[in-house]
């Protein structure tokens, strides 16, 4: 059994694509992968939290998955298998459980990075089962890049692998720093009530030249958050994230990205005049946002007001652990 955490990007979304740092926190909603020997002639896949059912496949001589049943979109399974498995092992029964990432009433995803968490957990589990000698983290990046058609920065995978709070720079392809979370920096994660389509946002993005007038202040604001975070000053972090979010708002308008659509703009304005800061996380246009501050009463009051606008507080917290392996049978 292998599990991996979800994530919320605190600052640096989009800017990370042109070399700026991004701050991401792991959340204790976990994708859980279980693999055991299948009592069948086929490999078997189950995906609770995504689709109910059971689907079987064989592996062709050229390594392609040959599905025996009609199935929902299972590209994640194919990308992870192709990256992590050499040859065709004895039949496996694979469960990829992302229930923790989905609203049980509506079936909508929260936007906590379920595909990256599931990809990370599945790649690591397959490497364990199939005695893969390559580094699982590198294979997880490879699988997720394939799944996203090369879009994205890899920060989701980095967060699932490492846990905690990380500073990530895409062009260095490494976690630049591991940060602590200051005791007096308070936060809540709230959900807009509907999912966003991250790939469509990324396809609309015009990276152009990172030296143009849209990108320069945006990159500088992301850099400032990273500097403040390294200083571990909660009040300074809140103000740097407030400035970053205002810059993100202007950047979204200039690029017509709609990051603050889906109700986020109303919640962003709700923070005006309060001693909290609110920002959408990730691509925006739905999914989650985070409110930060240093006063618990202010945070609670803000969340109550956001609830009147249809936003829902999620019972998630910072997860200090990254991908975890347990329960492997000794042979």
Protein backbone atom coordinates (compact mmCIF):
# COMPACT_ATOMS: atom_id res chain seq x y z
CA UNK A 1 0.00 0.00 0.00
CA UNK A 2 1.26 3.46 -0.91
CA UNK A 3 -0.32 6.83 -0.17
CA UNK A 4 0.52 10.36 -1.30
CA UNK A 5 -0.84 13.75 -0.17
CA UNK A 6 -2.67 16.40 -2.12
CA UNK A 7 -1.62 20.03 -2.23
CA UNK A 8 -2.52 23.71 -2.21
CA UNK A 9 -0.30 26.24 -3.96
CA UNK A 10 0.13 29.17 -1.58
CA UNK A 11 1.93 31.41 -4.10
CA UNK A 12 3.71 31.21 -7.43
CA UNK A 13 1.13 29.49 -9.61
CA UNK A 14 1.71 30.35 -13.28
CA UNK A 15 4.84 32.36 -12.37
CA UNK A 16 6.58 29.05 -11.68
CA UNK A 17 6.26 28.24 -15.40
CA UNK A 18 8.79 30.96 -16.25
CA UNK A 19 11.32 30.21 -13.52
CA UNK A 20 9.88 32.01 -10.48
CA UNK A 21 9.63 30.16 -7.16
CA UNK A 22 6.34 28.70 -5.97
CA UNK A 23 5.35 27.84 -2.41
CA UNK A 24 3.22 24.72 -2.06
CA UNK A 25 1.87 22.89 0.99
CA UNK A 26 0.94 19.22 1.20
CA UNK A 27 -2.56 18.49 2.52
CA UNK A 28 -3.67 15.41 4.43
CA UNK A 29 -6.17 14.30 1.80
CA UNK A 30 -4.34 11.24 0.46
CA UNK A 31 -4.55 9.09 -2.63
CA UNK A 32 -4.24 5.45 -1.56
CA UNK A 33 -2.97 2.74 -3.88
CA UNK A 34 -3.18 -0.94 -3.01
CA UNK A 35 -1.67 -3.65 -5.19
CA UNK A 36 -1.91 -7.40 -4.68
CA UNK A 37 -1.68 -10.54 -6.77
CA UNK A 38 -4.75 -10.99 -8.96
CA UNK A 39 -6.50 -14.35 -9.05
CA UNK A 40 -7.17 -13.85 -12.72
CA UNK A 41 -5.44 -14.07 -16.07
CA UNK A 42 -5.75 -10.28 -16.46
CA UNK A 43 -4.51 -7.26 -14.54
CA UNK A 44 -7.46 -5.66 -12.72
CA UNK A 45 -8.02 -1.96 -11.93
CA UNK A 46 -10.46 -0.36 -9.48
CA UNK A 47 -10.77 3.41 -9.00
CA UNK A 48 -12.94 4.31 -5.97
CA UNK A 49 -13.47 8.04 -5.77
CA UNK A 50 -13.25 8.35 -9.56
CA UNK A 51 -15.49 5.67 -11.05
CA UNK A 52 -17.13 2.57 -9.64
CA UNK A 53 -16.33 -0.66 -11.40
CA UNK A 54 -13.59 -3.08 -12.29
CA UNK A 55 -11.60 -3.11 -15.51
CA UNK A 56 -9.20 -5.70 -16.88
CA UNK A 57 -6.25 -5.44 -19.22
CA UNK A 58 -3.37 -7.38 -20.72
CA UNK A 59 -0.03 -5.98 -21.83
CA UNK A 60 0.90 -6.40 -25.50
CA UNK A 61 4.33 -7.40 -26.71
CA UNK A 62 5.16 -3.73 -27.34
CA UNK A 63 4.11 -2.73 -23.81
CA UNK A 64 0.68 -1.24 -24.57
CA UNK A 65 -2.29 -1.86 -22.30
CA UNK A 66 -5.02 -3.86 -24.04
CA UNK A 67 -8.26 -3.26 -22.17
CA UNK A 68 -10.79 -6.07 -22.12
CA UNK A 69 -13.72 -3.95 -20.96
CA UNK A 70 -15.22 -0.59 -21.79
CA UNK A 71 -13.94 1.80 -19.17
CA UNK A 72 -13.94 5.47 -18.16
CA UNK A 73 -10.90 7.59 -19.01
CA UNK A 74 -8.00 5.73 -17.40
CA UNK A 75 -5.06 7.60 -18.91
CA UNK A 76 -3.55 8.00 -15.45
CA UNK A 77 -3.25 4.22 -15.11
CA UNK A 78 -1.65 3.94 -18.55
CA UNK A 79 0.82 6.80 -17.95
CA UNK A 80 1.94 5.38 -14.60
CA UNK A 81 2.24 1.83 -15.93
CA UNK A 82 4.20 2.88 -19.00
CA UNK A 83 6.64 4.87 -16.86
CA UNK A 84 7.12 2.38 -14.02
CA UNK A 85 6.74 -1.14 -15.40
CA UNK A 86 9.15 -3.04 -17.61
CA UNK A 87 7.68 -6.07 -19.32
CA UNK A 88 4.54 -7.80 -18.08
CA UNK A 89 4.49 -8.97 -14.44
CA UNK A 90 2.17 -11.63 -13.07
CA UNK A 91 -1.44 -10.39 -12.94
CA UNK A 92 -1.97 -7.56 -10.45
CA UNK A 93 -5.10 -6.22 -8.78
CA UNK A 94 -4.69 -2.45 -8.50
CA UNK A 95 -6.88 -0.09 -6.47
CA UNK A 96 -6.38 3.67 -6.87
CA UNK A 97 -8.55 5.35 -4.24
CA UNK A 98 -9.07 9.13 -4.52
CA UNK A 99 -12.22 9.28 -2.40
CA UNK A 100 -10.66 11.89 -0.11
CA UNK A 101 -10.44 14.34 -3.02
CA UNK A 102 -14.12 14.24 -3.99
CA UNK A 103 -17.30 15.74 -2.57
CA UNK A 104 -19.45 12.72 -1.79
CA UNK A 105 -22.75 14.50 -2.47
CA UNK A 106 -22.00 16.09 -5.85
CA UNK A 107 -19.15 13.87 -7.05
CA UNK A 108 -17.14 17.02 -7.85
CA UNK A 109 -13.40 17.11 -7.23
CA UNK A 110 -12.17 19.65 -4.67
CA UNK A 111 -9.07 20.59 -6.68
CA UNK A 112 -6.51 19.31 -4.17
CA UNK A 113 -4.21 17.72 -6.74
CA UNK A 114 -5.78 14.27 -6.90
CA UNK A 115 -4.25 13.26 -10.23
CA UNK A 116 -0.70 14.09 -9.10
CA UNK A 117 -1.19 12.36 -5.74
CA UNK A 118 -2.65 9.29 -7.44
CA UNK A 119 0.10 9.25 -10.07
CA UNK A 120 2.81 9.53 -7.41
CA UNK A 121 1.34 6.77 -5.24
CA UNK A 122 0.72 4.45 -8.19
CA UNK A 123 4.17 4.89 -9.74
CA UNK A 124 5.86 4.25 -6.39
CA UNK A 125 3.66 1.21 -5.75
CA UNK A 126 4.35 -0.26 -9.19
CA UNK A 127 8.08 0.30 -8.72
CA UNK A 128 7.88 -1.61 -5.43
CA UNK A 129 5.94 -4.51 -6.94
CA UNK A 130 7.87 -4.77 -10.18
CA UNK A 131 11.37 -4.25 -8.76
CA UNK A 132 11.99 -1.17 -10.89
CA UNK A 133 15.55 0.08 -10.43
CA UNK A 134 14.98 3.62 -11.73
CA UNK A 135 14.27 6.41 -9.22
CA UNK A 136 10.47 6.42 -8.58
CA UNK A 137 10.26 10.21 -8.16
CA UNK A 138 11.71 10.82 -11.62
CA UNK A 139 9.26 8.29 -13.07
CA UNK A 140 6.35 10.02 -11.33
CA UNK A 141 7.34 13.36 -12.93
CA UNK A 142 7.57 11.59 -16.29
CA UNK A 143 4.18 9.93 -15.94
CA UNK A 144 2.41 13.14 -14.89
CA UNK A 145 4.03 15.15 -17.69
CA UNK A 146 2.72 12.55 -20.14
CA UNK A 147 -0.73 12.72 -18.55
CA UNK A 148 -0.79 16.53 -18.86
CA UNK A 149 0.61 16.55 -22.41
CA UNK A 150 3.66 18.44 -21.18
CA UNK A 151 1.63 21.21 -19.54
CA UNK A 152 2.26 22.21 -15.95
CA UNK A 153 5.35 22.68 -13.82
CA UNK A 154 5.62 19.45 -11.84
CA UNK A 155 4.96 21.20 -8.53
CA UNK A 156 2.03 18.87 -7.76
CA UNK A 157 4.29 15.83 -8.01
CA UNK A 158 7.04 17.54 -5.99
CA UNK A 159 4.57 18.27 -3.19
CA UNK A 160 3.19 14.71 -3.16
CA UNK A 161 6.69 13.25 -3.05
CA UNK A 162 8.06 15.54 -0.32
CA UNK A 163 5.15 16.60 1.88
CA UNK A 164 5.32 19.63 4.17
CA UNK A 165 5.93 23.10 2.70
CA UNK A 166 8.22 23.32 -0.28
CA UNK A 167 9.70 26.05 -2.44
CA UNK A 168 9.86 24.76 -6.00
CA UNK A 169 11.52 26.08 -9.14
CA UNK A 170 10.53 24.35 -12.33
CA UNK A 171 13.60 25.15 -14.43
CA UNK A 172 15.88 23.74 -11.76
CA UNK A 173 13.62 20.69 -11.58
CA UNK A 174 14.31 20.47 -7.84
CA UNK A 175 12.76 21.46 -4.55
CA UNK A 176 14.74 24.60 -3.80
CA UNK A 177 13.92 24.56 -0.09
CA UNK A 178 11.87 22.83 2.60
CA UNK A 179 10.14 25.36 4.84
CA UNK A 180 8.46 25.13 8.22
CA UNK A 181 5.01 26.57 8.83
CA UNK A 182 5.14 29.32 11.51
CA UNK A 183 2.97 28.60 14.54
CA UNK A 184 1.35 32.03 14.37
CA UNK A 185 0.44 31.84 10.66
CA UNK A 186 -3.14 30.56 10.55
CA UNK A 187 -4.98 29.24 7.51
CA UNK A 188 -8.15 27.57 6.31
CA UNK A 189 -8.81 25.93 2.95
CA UNK A 190 -12.21 26.65 1.42
CA UNK A 191 -13.89 25.13 -1.64
CA UNK A 192 -15.84 27.01 -4.27
CA UNK A 193 -18.33 24.17 -4.75
CA UNK A 194 -17.30 23.21 -8.27
CA UNK A 195 -14.29 21.92 -10.16
CA UNK A 196 -11.93 23.85 -12.41
CA UNK A 197 -10.33 22.65 -15.63
CA UNK A 198 -6.61 23.19 -15.08
CA UNK A 199 -5.39 22.05 -18.55
CA UNK A 200 -7.72 24.53 -20.31
CA UNK A 201 -6.31 27.38 -18.21
CA UNK A 202 -2.75 26.35 -19.03
CA UNK A 203 -3.51 26.15 -22.74
CA UNK A 204 -4.80 29.75 -22.66
CA UNK A 205 -1.66 31.04 -20.96
CA UNK A 206 0.66 33.12 -23.12
CA UNK A 207 4.10 32.71 -21.58
CA UNK A 208 5.53 34.99 -24.27
CA UNK A 209 8.58 36.71 -22.90
CA UNK A 210 8.93 36.68 -19.10
CA UNK A 211 10.47 40.14 -19.43
CA UNK A 212 7.27 41.82 -20.67
CA UNK A 213 5.25 44.21 -18.51
CA UNK A 214 2.70 41.54 -17.50
CA UNK A 215 5.24 39.02 -16.28
CA UNK A 216 7.88 41.16 -14.57
CA UNK A 217 5.81 42.38 -11.57
CA UNK A 218 4.22 38.95 -11.28
CA UNK A 219 7.62 37.21 -11.06
CA UNK A 220 8.87 39.81 -8.58
CA UNK A 221 5.83 39.28 -6.34
CA UNK A 222 6.39 35.50 -6.34
CA UNK A 223 10.07 36.01 -5.50
CA UNK A 224 9.10 38.28 -2.60
CA UNK A 225 6.82 35.62 -1.08
CA UNK A 226 9.68 33.09 -1.20
CA UNK A 227 12.01 35.56 0.54
CA UNK A 228 9.46 36.31 3.26
CA UNK A 229 8.76 32.62 3.77
CA UNK A 230 12.42 31.90 4.30
CA UNK A 231 12.41 34.61 6.99
CA UNK A 232 9.58 32.82 8.84
CA UNK A 233 7.84 36.10 9.76
CA UNK A 234 4.09 35.42 9.76
CA UNK A 235 3.00 39.07 9.43
CA UNK A 236 5.49 39.63 6.62
CA UNK A 237 4.24 36.48 4.86
CA UNK A 238 0.63 37.67 5.01
CA UNK A 239 1.53 41.05 3.51
CA UNK A 240 3.71 39.51 0.79
CA UNK A 241 0.89 37.10 -0.15
CA UNK A 242 -1.57 40.01 -0.15
CA UNK A 243 0.67 41.88 -2.61
CA UNK A 244 1.19 38.73 -4.68
CA UNK A 245 -2.55 38.07 -4.87
CA UNK A 246 -3.24 41.62 -6.07
CA UNK A 247 -0.60 41.12 -8.77
CA UNK A 248 -2.13 37.72 -9.64
CA UNK A 249 -5.50 39.45 -10.02
CA UNK A 250 -4.06 41.94 -12.53
CA UNK A 251 -2.14 39.20 -14.32
CA UNK A 252 -5.28 37.09 -14.68
CA UNK A 253 -7.15 40.02 -16.23
CA UNK A 254 -4.27 40.82 -18.63
CA UNK A 255 -4.05 37.17 -19.76
CA UNK A 256 -7.83 36.58 -19.72
CA UNK A 257 -7.27 33.49 -17.56
CA UNK A 258 -10.32 33.79 -15.33
CA UNK A 259 -8.37 32.72 -12.23
CA UNK A 260 -10.77 34.66 -10.01
CA UNK A 261 -13.91 33.38 -11.74
CA UNK A 262 -16.14 30.77 -10.17
CA UNK A 263 -16.86 32.91 -7.11
CA UNK A 264 -13.24 33.60 -6.15
CA UNK A 265 -13.45 37.28 -7.06
CA UNK A 266 -16.31 37.86 -4.61
CA UNK A 267 -14.39 36.08 -1.84
CA UNK A 268 -11.21 37.97 -2.70
CA UNK A 269 -13.09 41.27 -2.33
CA UNK A 270 -14.67 40.01 0.88
CA UNK A 271 -11.19 40.14 2.44
CA UNK A 272 -10.91 43.91 1.79
CA UNK A 273 -10.59 45.80 5.06
CA UNK A 274 -10.03 42.63 7.09
CA UNK A 275 -6.76 41.48 8.61
CA UNK A 276 -6.77 38.34 6.45
CA UNK A 277 -5.73 37.61 2.88
CA UNK A 278 -7.59 35.30 0.51
CA UNK A 279 -6.43 33.83 -2.77
CA UNK A 280 -7.51 31.05 -5.12
CA UNK A 281 -5.07 28.16 -5.33
CA UNK A 282 -3.83 26.63 -8.56
CA UNK A 283 -5.49 27.48 -11.85
CA UNK A 284 -8.57 29.11 -10.28
CA UNK A 285 -11.97 29.43 -11.92
CA UNK A 286 -13.28 26.97 -9.34
CA UNK A 287 -11.62 24.48 -6.98
CA UNK A 288 -10.12 25.75 -3.72
CA UNK A 289 -8.74 28.89 -2.14
CA UNK A 290 -6.85 29.61 1.04
CA UNK A 291 -7.35 32.30 3.66
CA UNK A 292 -4.37 33.29 5.81
CA UNK A 293 -3.91 35.56 8.80
CA UNK A 294 -2.60 35.78 12.35
CA UNK A 295 -5.89 36.18 14.23
CA UNK A 296 -8.10 33.11 14.70
CA UNK A 297 -11.28 35.16 15.23
CA UNK A 298 -10.69 37.04 11.97
CA UNK A 299 -10.12 33.78 10.10
CA UNK A 300 -13.31 32.25 11.53
CA UNK A 301 -15.37 35.35 10.78
CA UNK A 302 -14.11 35.42 7.21
CA UNK A 303 -14.93 31.73 6.67
CA UNK A 304 -18.46 32.29 7.96
CA UNK A 305 -18.90 35.16 5.51
CA UNK A 306 -17.47 33.05 2.67
CA UNK A 307 -19.97 30.32 3.58
CA UNK A 308 -22.79 32.77 2.89
CA UNK A 309 -21.42 32.98 -0.66
CA UNK A 310 -21.52 29.21 -1.09
CA UNK A 311 -17.92 28.40 -0.20
CA UNK A 312 -17.33 25.39 2.04
CA UNK A 313 -14.51 25.03 4.56
CA UNK A 314 -12.66 21.75 4.03
CA UNK A 315 -11.37 19.74 7.02
CA UNK A 316 -7.83 19.52 5.64
CA UNK A 317 -4.52 20.36 7.27
CA UNK A 318 -0.85 20.56 6.44
CA UNK A 319 0.64 17.07 5.97
CA UNK A 320 4.31 16.93 6.91
CA UNK A 321 4.72 13.55 5.20
CA UNK A 322 5.18 12.93 1.52
CA UNK A 323 4.62 9.62 -0.25
CA UNK A 324 4.47 6.70 2.21
CA UNK A 325 4.96 2.99 1.55
CA UNK A 326 3.52 0.40 3.93
CA UNK A 327 2.40 -3.19 4.02
CA UNK A 328 4.77 -4.65 1.46
CA UNK A 329 4.91 -8.42 1.67
CA UNK A 330 8.42 -9.75 2.25
CA UNK A 331 9.49 -12.36 -0.29
